[in-house]
Structure formats: C-alpha cells, structure tokens
Amino acid sequence: MPKKTFATAPKPKLSDEQISAYETGGAGHDSKNTSDKAHQEATEPTKRLSLDLPASLHTRFKTACSATGRKMGGELQRFIEQRTAELEDEAGLTRK
C-alpha cells in the first residue's frame, strides 16, 4: 500500500483591514450590547464552581435553558446572586 501524503492547505490572502475587522468583531466577540454591570463582572476575577447533580436534573435544566435560549452558567449565576442576597438579609449581613 503506497504511503499517503497530504499537502498543506493554502492560506487565504487577507488584507490588514480584513484582519483588523476580524480581531475586533470576529469569532468570540459578542455583537450584543453589554450593560455596565455585566462589564464590571467580567473584569472582576472569577472562581470556578463544580457541583454534582443527578443526571435527570442536569438534563431537565439543560433542556429548559436551551428551550428558552438561556445559558446554564448565566442562570446559575443569577440564582446564586438572588439566593446569596436572601441569605445575607436573613443573617443581617451587609453587602459591599
């Protein structure tokens, strides 16, 4: 059996203007307007949270988020913010 060789795909010729347009608005850049609060949260350092859920609950949550066009992470963050405020009020804690 002969050895297969693969040629490198040709790279497209892009102008500096096309490259700049892609860098400022291309893949990975949201075109939606973001609120100041969302921007502030994005600049704050983040921490990762992992949790174990029953598979059936995960599936229900994922399906519900998908059906309503929402992201699971965003919904969880909103819930945590709401519940944290409730717990702080209950404990008599003040928020910064």
PDB file of N, CA and C in Angstrom:
ATOM      1  N   MET A   1       0.850  -1.168   0.000  1.00  0.00           N
ATOM      2  CA  MET A   1       0.000   0.000   0.000  1.00  0.00           C
ATOM      3  C   MET A   1       0.900   1.237   0.000  1.00  0.00           C
ATOM      4  N   PRO A   2       0.664   2.154  -0.936  1.00  0.00           N
ATOM      5  CA  PRO A   2       1.521   3.342  -1.005  1.00  0.00           C
ATOM      6  C   PRO A   2       1.262   4.276   0.185  1.00  0.00           C
ATOM      7  N   LYS A   3       2.330   4.960   0.565  1.00  0.00           N
ATOM      8  CA  LYS A   3       2.241   5.893   1.682  1.00  0.00           C
ATOM      9  C   LYS A   3       1.470   7.138   1.233  1.00  0.00           C
ATOM     10  N   LYS A   4       0.533   7.582   2.076  1.00  0.00           N
ATOM     11  CA  LYS A   4      -0.270   8.751   1.736  1.00  0.00           C
ATOM     12  C   LYS A   4       0.467  10.014   2.175  1.00  0.00           C
ATOM     13  N   THR A   5       0.371  11.029   1.352  1.00  0.00           N
ATOM     14  CA  THR A   5       0.934  12.323   1.711  1.00  0.00           C
ATOM     15  C   THR A   5      -0.174  13.359   1.615  1.00  0.00           C
ATOM     16  N   PHE A   6      -0.107  14.322   2.467  1.00  0.00           N
ATOM     17  CA  PHE A   6      -1.122  15.366   2.488  1.00  0.00           C
ATOM     18  C   PHE A   6      -0.442  16.704   2.284  1.00  0.00           C
ATOM     19  N   ALA A   7      -0.962  17.447   1.335  1.00  0.00           N
ATOM     20  CA  ALA A   7      -0.424  18.781   1.083  1.00  0.00           C
ATOM     21  C   ALA A   7      -1.013  19.750   2.101  1.00  0.00           C
ATOM     22  N   THR A   8      -0.273  20.774   2.393  1.00  0.00           N
ATOM     23  CA  THR A   8      -0.776  21.797   3.309  1.00  0.00           C
ATOM     24  C   THR A   8      -1.828  22.625   2.582  1.00  0.00           C
ATOM     25  N   ALA A   9      -2.890  22.948   3.320  1.00  0.00           N
ATOM     26  CA  ALA A   9      -3.947  23.765   2.731  1.00  0.00           C
ATOM     27  C   ALA A   9      -3.412  25.170   2.481  1.00  0.00           C
ATOM     28  N   PRO A  10      -3.766  25.767   1.343  1.00  0.00           N
ATOM     29  CA  PRO A  10      -3.285  27.117   1.074  1.00  0.00           C
ATOM     30  C   PRO A  10      -3.919  28.117   2.037  1.00  0.00           C
ATOM     31  N   LYS A  11      -3.110  29.058   2.508  1.00  0.00           N
ATOM     32  CA  LYS A  11      -3.618  30.080   3.410  1.00  0.00           C
ATOM     33  C   LYS A  11      -4.216  31.212   2.592  1.00  0.00           C
ATOM     34  N   PRO A  12      -5.398  31.702   3.012  1.00  0.00           N
ATOM     35  CA  PRO A  12      -6.010  32.799   2.262  1.00  0.00           C
ATOM     36  C   PRO A  12      -5.206  34.082   2.441  1.00  0.00           C
ATOM     37  N   LYS A  13      -5.198  34.879   1.407  1.00  0.00           N
ATOM     38  CA  LYS A  13      -4.522  36.170   1.463  1.00  0.00           C
ATOM     39  C   LYS A  13      -5.503  37.181   2.041  1.00  0.00           C
ATOM     40  N   LEU A  14      -5.203  37.717   3.207  1.00  0.00           N
ATOM     41  CA  LEU A  14      -6.077  38.678   3.861  1.00  0.00           C
ATOM     42  C   LEU A  14      -5.374  40.027   3.968  1.00  0.00           C
ATOM     43  N   SER A  15      -6.146  41.063   3.758  1.00  0.00           N
ATOM     44  CA  SER A  15      -5.588  42.402   3.902  1.00  0.00           C
ATOM     45  C   SER A  15      -5.525  42.760   5.382  1.00  0.00           C
ATOM     46  N   ASP A  16      -4.734  43.776   5.719  1.00  0.00           N
ATOM     47  CA  ASP A  16      -4.647  44.240   7.100  1.00  0.00           C
ATOM     48  C   ASP A  16      -6.016  44.690   7.605  1.00  0.00           C
ATOM     49  N   GLU A  17      -6.812  45.270   6.698  1.00  0.00           N
ATOM     50  CA  GLU A  17      -8.151  45.738   7.064  1.00  0.00           C
ATOM     51  C   GLU A  17      -9.049  44.559   7.444  1.00  0.00           C
ATOM     52  N   GLN A  18      -8.971  43.465   6.690  1.00  0.00           N
ATOM     53  CA  GLN A  18      -9.770  42.287   6.986  1.00  0.00           C
ATOM     54  C   GLN A  18      -9.340  41.659   8.304  1.00  0.00           C
ATOM     55  N   ILE A  19      -8.051  41.612   8.557  1.00  0.00           N
ATOM     56  CA  ILE A  19      -7.541  41.047   9.802  1.00  0.00           C
ATOM     57  C   ILE A  19      -8.003  41.887  10.985  1.00  0.00           C
ATOM     58  N   SER A  20      -7.911  43.196  10.857  1.00  0.00           N
ATOM     59  CA  SER A  20      -8.334  44.093  11.934  1.00  0.00           C
ATOM     60  C   SER A  20      -9.836  43.952  12.206  1.00  0.00           C
ATOM     61  N   ALA A  21     -10.635  43.854  11.154  1.00  0.00           N
ATOM     62  CA  ALA A  21     -12.074  43.701  11.315  1.00  0.00           C
ATOM     63  C   ALA A  21     -12.397  42.397  12.032  1.00  0.00           C
ATOM     64  N   TYR A  22     -11.676  41.329  11.725  1.00  0.00           N
ATOM     65  CA  TYR A  22     -11.903  40.045  12.380  1.00  0.00           C
ATOM     66  C   TYR A  22     -11.505  40.119  13.848  1.00  0.00           C
ATOM     67  N   GLU A  23     -10.363  40.739  14.145  1.00  0.00           N
ATOM     68  CA  GLU A  23      -9.886  40.829  15.523  1.00  0.00           C
ATOM     69  C   GLU A  23     -10.841  41.623  16.408  1.00  0.00           C
ATOM     70  N   THR A  24     -11.480  42.639  15.870  1.00  0.00           N
ATOM     71  CA  THR A  24     -12.368  43.462  16.688  1.00  0.00           C
ATOM     72  C   THR A  24     -13.798  42.960  16.716  1.00  0.00           C
ATOM     73  N   GLY A  25     -14.223  42.182  15.750  1.00  0.00           N
ATOM     74  CA  GLY A  25     -15.613  41.743  15.744  1.00  0.00           C
ATOM     75  C   GLY A  25     -15.817  40.334  15.276  1.00  0.00           C
ATOM     76  N   GLY A  26     -14.755  39.577  15.137  1.00  0.00           N
ATOM     77  CA  GLY A  26     -14.868  38.226  14.603  1.00  0.00           C
ATOM     78  C   GLY A  26     -15.301  37.212  15.633  1.00  0.00           C
ATOM     79  N   ALA A  27     -14.959  35.974  15.389  1.00  0.00           N
ATOM     80  CA  ALA A  27     -15.365  34.872  16.250  1.00  0.00           C
ATOM     81  C   ALA A  27     -14.954  35.138  17.688  1.00  0.00           C
ATOM     82  N   GLY A  28     -15.874  34.853  18.603  1.00  0.00           N
ATOM     83  CA  GLY A  28     -15.597  35.034  20.013  1.00  0.00           C
ATOM     84  C   GLY A  28     -15.946  36.410  20.538  1.00  0.00           C
ATOM     85  N   HIS A  29     -16.401  37.296  19.690  1.00  0.00           N
ATOM     86  CA  HIS A  29     -16.788  38.631  20.121  1.00  0.00           C
ATOM     87  C   HIS A  29     -18.297  38.762  19.998  1.00  0.00           C
ATOM     88  N   ASP A  30     -18.939  39.045  21.114  1.00  0.00           N
ATOM     89  CA  ASP A  30     -20.388  39.217  21.087  1.00  0.00           C
ATOM     90  C   ASP A  30     -20.744  40.527  20.423  1.00  0.00           C
ATOM     91  N   SER A  31     -21.797  40.509  19.634  1.00  0.00           N
ATOM     92  CA  SER A  31     -22.241  41.734  18.984  1.00  0.00           C
ATOM     93  C   SER A  31     -23.331  42.420  19.791  1.00  0.00           C
ATOM     94  N   LYS A  32     -23.811  41.769  20.842  1.00  0.00           N
ATOM     95  CA  LYS A  32     -24.850  42.348  21.674  1.00  0.00           C
ATOM     96  C   LYS A  32     -24.236  43.433  22.562  1.00  0.00           C
ATOM     97  N   ASN A  33     -25.039  44.439  22.879  1.00  0.00           N
ATOM     98  CA  ASN A  33     -24.596  45.463  23.820  1.00  0.00           C
ATOM     99  C   ASN A  33     -24.610  44.862  25.214  1.00  0.00           C
ATOM    100  N   THR A  34     -23.541  45.100  25.962  1.00  0.00           N
ATOM    101  CA  THR A  34     -23.496  44.596  27.324  1.00  0.00           C
ATOM    102  C   THR A  34     -23.706  45.752  28.277  1.00  0.00           C
ATOM    103  N   SER A  35     -24.383  45.472  29.364  1.00  0.00           N
ATOM    104  CA  SER A  35     -24.626  46.516  30.346  1.00  0.00           C
ATOM    105  C   SER A  35     -23.352  46.778  31.127  1.00  0.00           C
ATOM    106  N   ASP A  36     -23.308  47.905  31.827  1.00  0.00           N
ATOM    107  CA  ASP A  36     -22.136  48.240  32.639  1.00  0.00           C
ATOM    108  C   ASP A  36     -21.911  47.198  33.718  1.00  0.00           C
ATOM    109  N   LYS A  37     -23.001  46.680  34.311  1.00  0.00           N
ATOM    110  CA  LYS A  37     -22.871  45.673  35.359  1.00  0.00           C
ATOM    111  C   LYS A  37     -22.202  44.414  34.817  1.00  0.00           C
ATOM    112  N   ALA A  38     -22.627  43.985  33.635  1.00  0.00           N
ATOM    113  CA  ALA A  38     -22.028  42.791  33.032  1.00  0.00           C
ATOM    114  C   ALA A  38     -20.559  43.022  32.740  1.00  0.00           C
ATOM    115  N   HIS A  39     -20.219  44.226  32.303  1.00  0.00           N
ATOM    116  CA  HIS A  39     -18.823  44.542  32.016  1.00  0.00           C
ATOM    117  C   HIS A  39     -18.001  44.536  33.297  1.00  0.00           C
ATOM    118  N   GLN A  40     -18.541  45.078  34.377  1.00  0.00           N
ATOM    119  CA  GLN A  40     -17.826  45.101  35.645  1.00  0.00           C
ATOM    120  C   GLN A  40     -17.604  43.692  36.156  1.00  0.00           C
ATOM    121  N   GLU A  41     -18.614  42.842  36.016  1.00  0.00           N
ATOM    122  CA  GLU A  41     -18.467  41.465  36.477  1.00  0.00           C
ATOM    123  C   GLU A  41     -17.422  40.727  35.656  1.00  0.00           C
ATOM    124  N   ALA A  42     -17.322  41.061  34.391  1.00  0.00           N
ATOM    125  CA  ALA A  42     -16.349  40.394  33.535  1.00  0.00           C
ATOM    126  C   ALA A  42     -14.924  40.777  33.917  1.00  0.00           C
ATOM    127  N   THR A  43     -14.729  41.983  34.442  1.00  0.00           N
ATOM    128  CA  THR A  43     -13.378  42.414  34.796  1.00  0.00           C
ATOM    129  C   THR A  43     -12.989  41.954  36.197  1.00  0.00           C
ATOM    130  N   GLU A  44     -13.945  41.523  36.997  1.00  0.00           N
ATOM    131  CA  GLU A  44     -13.646  41.026  38.336  1.00  0.00           C
ATOM    132  C   GLU A  44     -13.060  39.622  38.211  1.00  0.00           C
ATOM    133  N   PRO A  45     -12.057  39.286  39.029  1.00  0.00           N
ATOM    134  CA  PRO A  45     -11.520  37.917  38.978  1.00  0.00           C
ATOM    135  C   PRO A  45     -12.626  36.903  39.263  1.00  0.00           C
ATOM    136  N   THR A  46     -12.540  35.751  38.652  1.00  0.00           N
ATOM    137  CA  THR A  46     -13.580  34.739  38.806  1.00  0.00           C
ATOM    138  C   THR A  46     -13.037  33.510  39.509  1.00  0.00           C
ATOM    139  N   LYS A  47     -13.933  32.708  40.033  1.00  0.00           N
ATOM    140  CA  LYS A  47     -13.620  31.420  40.643  1.00  0.00           C
ATOM    141  C   LYS A  47     -14.512  30.378  39.991  1.00  0.00           C
ATOM    142  N   ARG A  48     -14.004  29.178  39.833  1.00  0.00           N
ATOM    143  CA  ARG A  48     -14.773  28.092  39.230  1.00  0.00           C
ATOM    144  C   ARG A  48     -15.489  27.317  40.319  1.00  0.00           C
ATOM    145  N   LEU A  49     -16.725  26.921  40.046  1.00  0.00           N
ATOM    146  CA  LEU A  49     -17.538  26.155  40.982  1.00  0.00           C
ATOM    147  C   LEU A  49     -17.991  24.877  40.288  1.00  0.00           C
ATOM    148  N   SER A  50     -17.774  23.759  40.947  1.00  0.00           N
ATOM    149  CA  SER A  50     -18.243  22.472  40.412  1.00  0.00           C
ATOM    150  C   SER A  50     -19.262  21.899  41.369  1.00  0.00           C
ATOM    151  N   LEU A  51     -20.274  21.242  40.823  1.00  0.00           N
ATOM    152  CA  LEU A  51     -21.238  20.579  41.678  1.00  0.00           C
ATOM    153  C   LEU A  51     -21.718  19.322  40.991  1.00  0.00           C
ATOM    154  N   ASP A  52     -22.114  18.377  41.799  1.00  0.00           N
ATOM    155  CA  ASP A  52     -22.645  17.120  41.285  1.00  0.00           C
ATOM    156  C   ASP A  52     -24.162  17.173  41.342  1.00  0.00           C
ATOM    157  N   LEU A  53     -24.783  16.858  40.227  1.00  0.00           N
ATOM    158  CA  LEU A  53     -26.244  16.827  40.119  1.00  0.00           C
ATOM    159  C   LEU A  53     -26.669  15.457  39.626  1.00  0.00           C
ATOM    160  N   PRO A  54     -27.867  15.036  40.003  1.00  0.00           N
ATOM    161  CA  PRO A  54     -28.392  13.820  39.384  1.00  0.00           C
ATOM    162  C   PRO A  54     -28.519  14.059  37.874  1.00  0.00           C
ATOM    163  N   ALA A  55     -28.241  13.041  37.103  1.00  0.00           N
ATOM    164  CA  ALA A  55     -28.268  13.173  35.644  1.00  0.00           C
ATOM    165  C   ALA A  55     -29.619  13.682  35.145  1.00  0.00           C
ATOM    166  N   SER A  56     -30.699  13.230  35.769  1.00  0.00           N
ATOM    167  CA  SER A  56     -32.032  13.645  35.321  1.00  0.00           C
ATOM    168  C   SER A  56     -32.252  15.144  35.555  1.00  0.00           C
ATOM    169  N   LEU A  57     -31.768  15.674  36.679  1.00  0.00           N
ATOM    170  CA  LEU A  57     -31.920  17.104  36.956  1.00  0.00           C
ATOM    171  C   LEU A  57     -31.072  17.927  35.997  1.00  0.00           C
ATOM    172  N   HIS A  58     -29.853  17.466  35.727  1.00  0.00           N
ATOM    173  CA  HIS A  58     -28.981  18.155  34.777  1.00  0.00           C
ATOM    174  C   HIS A  58     -29.649  18.213  33.402  1.00  0.00           C
ATOM    175  N   THR A  59     -30.217  17.104  32.976  1.00  0.00           N
ATOM    176  CA  THR A  59     -30.885  17.050  31.675  1.00  0.00           C
ATOM    177  C   THR A  59     -32.079  17.996  31.625  1.00  0.00           C
ATOM    178  N   ARG A  60     -32.882  18.010  32.688  1.00  0.00           N
ATOM    179  CA  ARG A  60     -34.037  18.922  32.741  1.00  0.00           C
ATOM    180  C   ARG A  60     -33.589  20.372  32.673  1.00  0.00           C
ATOM    181  N   PHE A  61     -32.557  20.712  33.458  1.00  0.00           N
ATOM    182  CA  PHE A  61     -32.063  22.093  33.496  1.00  0.00           C
ATOM    183  C   PHE A  61     -31.492  22.495  32.142  1.00  0.00           C
ATOM    184  N   LYS A  62     -30.697  21.627  31.549  1.00  0.00           N
ATOM    185  CA  LYS A  62     -30.101  21.918  30.245  1.00  0.00           C
ATOM    186  C   LYS A  62     -31.176  22.090  29.177  1.00  0.00           C
ATOM    187  N   THR A  63     -32.172  21.228  29.196  1.00  0.00           N
ATOM    188  CA  THR A  63     -33.268  21.307  28.228  1.00  0.00           C
ATOM    189  C   THR A  63     -34.058  22.599  28.398  1.00  0.00           C
ATOM    190  N   ALA A  64     -34.371  22.955  29.643  1.00  0.00           N
ATOM    191  CA  ALA A  64     -35.137  24.170  29.909  1.00  0.00           C
ATOM    192  C   ALA A  64     -34.356  25.413  29.473  1.00  0.00           C
ATOM    193  N   CYS A  65     -33.071  25.448  29.753  1.00  0.00           N
ATOM    194  CA  CYS A  65     -32.242  26.583  29.340  1.00  0.00           C
ATOM    195  C   CYS A  65     -32.178  26.670  27.819  1.00  0.00           C
ATOM    196  N   SER A  66     -31.976  25.552  27.178  1.00  0.00           N
ATOM    197  CA  SER A  66     -31.892  25.531  25.725  1.00  0.00           C
ATOM    198  C   SER A  66     -33.213  25.962  25.082  1.00  0.00           C
ATOM    199  N   ALA A  67     -34.309  25.502  25.626  1.00  0.00           N
ATOM    200  CA  ALA A  67     -35.622  25.819  25.071  1.00  0.00           C
ATOM    201  C   ALA A  67     -35.960  27.301  25.198  1.00  0.00           C
ATOM    202  N   THR A  68     -35.354  27.970  26.182  1.00  0.00           N
ATOM    203  CA  THR A  68     -35.634  29.390  26.393  1.00  0.00           C
ATOM    204  C   THR A  68     -34.490  30.288  25.925  1.00  0.00           C
ATOM    205  N   GLY A  69     -33.479  29.682  25.284  1.00  0.00           N
ATOM    206  CA  GLY A  69     -32.367  30.462  24.743  1.00  0.00           C
ATOM    207  C   GLY A  69     -31.457  31.049  25.802  1.00  0.00           C
ATOM    208  N   ARG A  70     -31.361  30.387  26.944  1.00  0.00           N
ATOM    209  CA  ARG A  70     -30.514  30.881  28.029  1.00  0.00           C
ATOM    210  C   ARG A  70     -29.310  29.967  28.211  1.00  0.00           C
ATOM    211  N   LYS A  71     -28.252  30.521  28.789  1.00  0.00           N
ATOM    212  CA  LYS A  71     -27.066  29.731  29.083  1.00  0.00           C
ATOM    213  C   LYS A  71     -27.158  29.216  30.513  1.00  0.00           C
ATOM    214  N   MET A  72     -26.755  27.977  30.707  1.00  0.00           N
ATOM    215  CA  MET A  72     -26.838  27.367  32.026  1.00  0.00           C
ATOM    216  C   MET A  72     -26.031  28.158  33.054  1.00  0.00           C
ATOM    217  N   GLY A  73     -24.825  28.559  32.699  1.00  0.00           N
ATOM    218  CA  GLY A  73     -23.975  29.304  33.624  1.00  0.00           C
ATOM    219  C   GLY A  73     -24.595  30.618  34.050  1.00  0.00           C
ATOM    220  N   GLY A  74     -25.207  31.317  33.104  1.00  0.00           N
ATOM    221  CA  GLY A  74     -25.854  32.584  33.420  1.00  0.00           C
ATOM    222  C   GLY A  74     -27.025  32.404  34.358  1.00  0.00           C
ATOM    223  N   GLU A  75     -27.809  31.359  34.130  1.00  0.00           N
ATOM    224  CA  GLU A  75     -28.952  31.087  35.001  1.00  0.00           C
ATOM    225  C   GLU A  75     -28.488  30.719  36.402  1.00  0.00           C
ATOM    226  N   LEU A  76     -27.437  29.918  36.495  1.00  0.00           N
ATOM    227  CA  LEU A  76     -26.914  29.553  37.813  1.00  0.00           C
ATOM    228  C   LEU A  76     -26.378  30.774  38.545  1.00  0.00           C
ATOM    229  N   GLN A  77     -25.679  31.643  37.816  1.00  0.00           N
ATOM    230  CA  GLN A  77     -25.133  32.844  38.447  1.00  0.00           C
ATOM    231  C   GLN A  77     -26.255  33.738  38.968  1.00  0.00           C
ATOM    232  N   ARG A  78     -27.320  33.915  38.186  1.00  0.00           N
ATOM    233  CA  ARG A  78     -28.447  34.734  38.642  1.00  0.00           C
ATOM    234  C   ARG A  78     -29.089  34.133  39.888  1.00  0.00           C
ATOM    235  N   PHE A  79     -29.238  32.803  39.899  1.00  0.00           N
ATOM    236  CA  PHE A  79     -29.824  32.150  41.067  1.00  0.00           C
ATOM    237  C   PHE A  79     -28.935  32.343  42.290  1.00  0.00           C
ATOM    238  N   ILE A  80     -27.639  32.158  42.129  1.00  0.00           N
ATOM    239  CA  ILE A  80     -26.718  32.293  43.256  1.00  0.00           C
ATOM    240  C   ILE A  80     -26.725  33.719  43.789  1.00  0.00           C
ATOM    241  N   GLU A  81     -26.758  34.713  42.891  1.00  0.00           N
ATOM    242  CA  GLU A  81     -26.815  36.114  43.335  1.00  0.00           C
ATOM    243  C   GLU A  81     -28.088  36.367  44.133  1.00  0.00           C
ATOM    244  N   GLN A  82     -29.234  35.878  43.644  1.00  0.00           N
ATOM    245  CA  GLN A  82     -30.517  36.082  44.323  1.00  0.00           C
ATOM    246  C   GLN A  82     -30.512  35.383  45.683  1.00  0.00           C
ATOM    247  N   ARG A  83     -30.100  34.141  45.705  1.00  0.00           N
ATOM    248  CA  ARG A  83     -30.126  33.365  46.952  1.00  0.00           C
ATOM    249  C   ARG A  83     -29.124  33.912  47.956  1.00  0.00           C
ATOM    250  N   THR A  84     -27.964  34.369  47.489  1.00  0.00           N
ATOM    251  CA  THR A  84     -26.969  34.951  48.388  1.00  0.00           C
ATOM    252  C   THR A  84     -27.526  36.200  49.057  1.00  0.00           C
ATOM    253  N   ALA A  85     -28.215  37.042  48.301  1.00  0.00           N
ATOM    254  CA  ALA A  85     -28.826  38.248  48.874  1.00  0.00           C
ATOM    255  C   ALA A  85     -29.859  37.867  49.938  1.00  0.00           C
ATOM    256  N   GLU A  86     -30.659  36.828  49.675  1.00  0.00           N
ATOM    257  CA  GLU A  86     -31.645  36.377  50.656  1.00  0.00           C
ATOM    258  C   GLU A  86     -30.969  35.890  51.934  1.00  0.00           C
ATOM    259  N   LEU A  87     -29.914  35.113  51.789  1.00  0.00           N
ATOM    260  CA  LEU A  87     -29.203  34.588  52.957  1.00  0.00           C
ATOM    261  C   LEU A  87     -28.508  35.706  53.739  1.00  0.00           C
ATOM    262  N   GLU A  88     -27.945  36.690  53.012  1.00  0.00           N
ATOM    263  CA  GLU A  88     -27.309  37.827  53.681  1.00  0.00           C
ATOM    264  C   GLU A  88     -28.342  38.622  54.478  1.00  0.00           C
ATOM    265  N   ASP A  89     -29.516  38.849  53.889  1.00  0.00           N
ATOM    266  CA  ASP A  89     -30.591  39.557  54.601  1.00  0.00           C
ATOM    267  C   ASP A  89     -31.010  38.783  55.844  1.00  0.00           C
ATOM    268  N   GLU A  90     -31.167  37.483  55.701  1.00  0.00           N
ATOM    269  CA  GLU A  90     -31.566  36.641  56.829  1.00  0.00           C
ATOM    270  C   GLU A  90     -30.547  36.676  57.959  1.00  0.00           C
ATOM    271  N   ALA A  91     -29.258  36.718  57.584  1.00  0.00           N
ATOM    272  CA  ALA A  91     -28.187  36.721  58.574  1.00  0.00           C
ATOM    273  C   ALA A  91     -27.862  38.125  59.083  1.00  0.00           C
ATOM    274  N   GLY A  92     -28.456  39.144  58.460  1.00  0.00           N
ATOM    275  CA  GLY A  92     -28.175  40.521  58.870  1.00  0.00           C
ATOM    276  C   GLY A  92     -26.826  41.031  58.382  1.00  0.00           C
ATOM    277  N   LEU A  93     -26.331  40.441  57.310  1.00  0.00           N
ATOM    278  CA  LEU A  93     -25.041  40.858  56.742  1.00  0.00           C
ATOM    279  C   LEU A  93     -25.267  41.994  55.772  1.00  0.00           C
ATOM    280  N   THR A  94     -24.295  42.875  55.683  1.00  0.00           N
ATOM    281  CA  THR A  94     -24.381  43.956  54.708  1.00  0.00           C
ATOM    282  C   THR A  94     -23.477  43.634  53.536  1.00  0.00           C
ATOM    283  N   ARG A  95     -23.930  44.009  52.349  1.00  0.00           N
ATOM    284  CA  ARG A  95     -23.147  43.759  51.129  1.00  0.00           C
ATOM    285  C   ARG A  95     -22.244  44.939  50.864  1.00  0.00           C
ATOM    286  N   LYS A  96     -21.116  44.652  50.283  1.00  0.00           N
ATOM    287  CA  LYS A  96     -20.151  45.686  49.909  1.00  0.00           C
ATOM    288  C   LYS A  96     -20.598  46.410  48.685  1.00  0.00           C
TER     289      LYS A  96
END
